[in-house]
Protein backbone atom coordinates (compact mmCIF):
# COMPACT_ATOMS: atom_id res chain seq x y z
CA UNK A 1 147.02 66.13 217.40
CA UNK A 2 150.62 66.83 217.22
CA UNK A 3 152.16 66.67 213.78
CA UNK A 4 154.42 63.64 214.31
CA UNK A 5 151.51 61.62 215.46
CA UNK A 6 149.57 62.36 212.05
CA UNK A 7 152.68 61.70 210.10
CA UNK A 8 152.95 58.08 211.81
CA UNK A 9 149.41 57.77 211.26
CA UNK A 10 149.37 58.52 207.61
CA UNK A 11 152.59 56.61 207.23
CA UNK A 12 150.75 53.63 208.51
CA UNK A 13 147.81 53.97 206.33
CA UNK A 14 149.94 54.78 203.22
CA UNK A 15 151.70 51.61 203.45
CA UNK A 16 148.43 49.82 204.57
CA UNK A 17 146.68 50.99 201.42
CA UNK A 18 149.27 50.02 198.90
CA UNK A 19 149.74 46.58 200.56
CA UNK A 20 145.77 46.41 200.28
CA UNK A 21 145.96 47.01 196.59
CA UNK A 22 148.90 44.43 196.18
CA UNK A 23 147.07 41.83 198.45
CA UNK A 24 144.02 41.85 196.32
CA UNK A 25 145.73 41.68 193.12
CA UNK A 26 147.62 38.53 194.17
CA UNK A 27 144.70 36.91 195.50
CA UNK A 28 142.78 37.66 191.81
CA UNK A 29 146.16 36.02 190.58
CA UNK A 30 145.81 33.32 192.63
CA UNK A 31 141.97 32.37 191.52
CA UNK A 32 141.52 30.46 188.34
CA UNK A 33 140.33 32.77 185.55
CA UNK A 34 136.86 33.45 185.19
CA UNK A 35 134.32 33.70 182.16
CA UNK A 36 133.83 37.59 181.39
CA UNK A 37 132.20 39.12 184.63
CA UNK A 38 129.28 41.43 184.06
CA UNK A 39 130.47 43.17 187.22
CA UNK A 40 133.86 43.63 188.18
CA UNK A 41 133.43 42.67 191.71
CA UNK A 42 133.95 43.70 195.20
CA UNK A 43 137.79 43.27 195.22
CA UNK A 44 138.17 45.50 192.18
CA UNK A 45 136.07 48.20 193.84
CA UNK A 46 138.28 48.09 197.10
CA UNK A 47 141.32 48.04 194.90
CA UNK A 48 140.27 51.26 193.03
CA UNK A 49 139.44 52.95 196.41
CA UNK A 50 142.88 51.83 198.06
CA UNK A 51 144.32 53.49 194.99
CA UNK A 52 142.36 56.61 195.07
CA UNK A 53 142.93 56.95 198.71
CA UNK A 54 146.88 56.92 198.17
CA UNK A 55 147.16 60.47 196.93
CA UNK A 56 145.51 62.23 199.82
CA UNK A 57 147.45 60.18 202.08
CA UNK A 58 150.54 60.73 200.41
CA UNK A 59 149.80 64.50 200.62
CA UNK A 60 148.96 64.35 204.25
CA UNK A 61 152.09 62.17 204.85
CA UNK A 62 154.54 64.92 202.86
CA UNK A 63 152.82 68.05 204.66
CA UNK A 64 153.65 66.63 208.26
CA UNK A 65 157.10 65.05 207.52
CA UNK A 66 159.97 65.76 209.19
CA UNK A 67 162.30 66.58 206.67
CA UNK A 68 165.33 67.15 209.36
CA UNK A 69 165.55 63.30 209.27
CA UNK A 70 164.84 62.47 205.79
CA UNK A 71 165.16 58.39 206.00
CA UNK A 72 162.46 58.19 208.49
CA UNK A 73 160.32 60.30 205.75
CA UNK A 74 161.64 58.46 202.64
CA UNK A 75 161.24 54.81 203.99
CA UNK A 76 157.14 54.86 203.88
CA UNK A 77 157.33 56.63 201.03
CA UNK A 78 159.43 53.74 199.26
CA UNK A 79 157.83 51.06 200.75
CA UNK A 80 154.30 52.48 199.43
CA UNK A 81 155.71 53.07 195.94
CA UNK A 82 157.04 49.69 195.64
CA UNK A 83 154.01 47.67 196.82
CA UNK A 84 151.73 49.95 194.53
CA UNK A 85 154.11 49.26 191.49
CA UNK A 86 154.15 45.70 192.10
CA UNK A 87 150.30 45.79 192.38
CA UNK A 88 149.98 47.56 188.83
CA UNK A 89 152.49 45.33 187.55
CA UNK A 90 150.26 42.04 188.75
CA UNK A 91 147.24 43.96 187.59
CA UNK A 92 148.80 44.43 184.26
CA UNK A 93 149.84 40.52 183.89
CA UNK A 94 146.29 39.64 185.29
CA UNK A 95 144.54 41.48 182.65
CA UNK A 96 146.75 40.73 179.52
CA UNK A 97 147.97 37.18 180.17
CA UNK A 98 145.96 35.30 183.25
CA UNK A 99 142.48 36.19 181.82
CA UNK A 100 142.61 35.43 178.13
């Protein structure tokens, strides 16, 4: 595979993983609070896997980035960072005030 193709694919996966994490937390916020569950549930495990996969995907993206065009490299990173930051902010809200 060409480096540019790998970079495009890793950028898409990077944004997709961060958006998946954000969507899962927002979906959990939209549901009514539950009693203390014995298990976290499938959504929590998918969230954890999405977050865990962000590090290797970011490394692949950075390793294949064309830094001659920095905006093409920074934009996917910024989008992923924003979505991930919002996901963790929403998760904090979910854990500390939504499910009391």
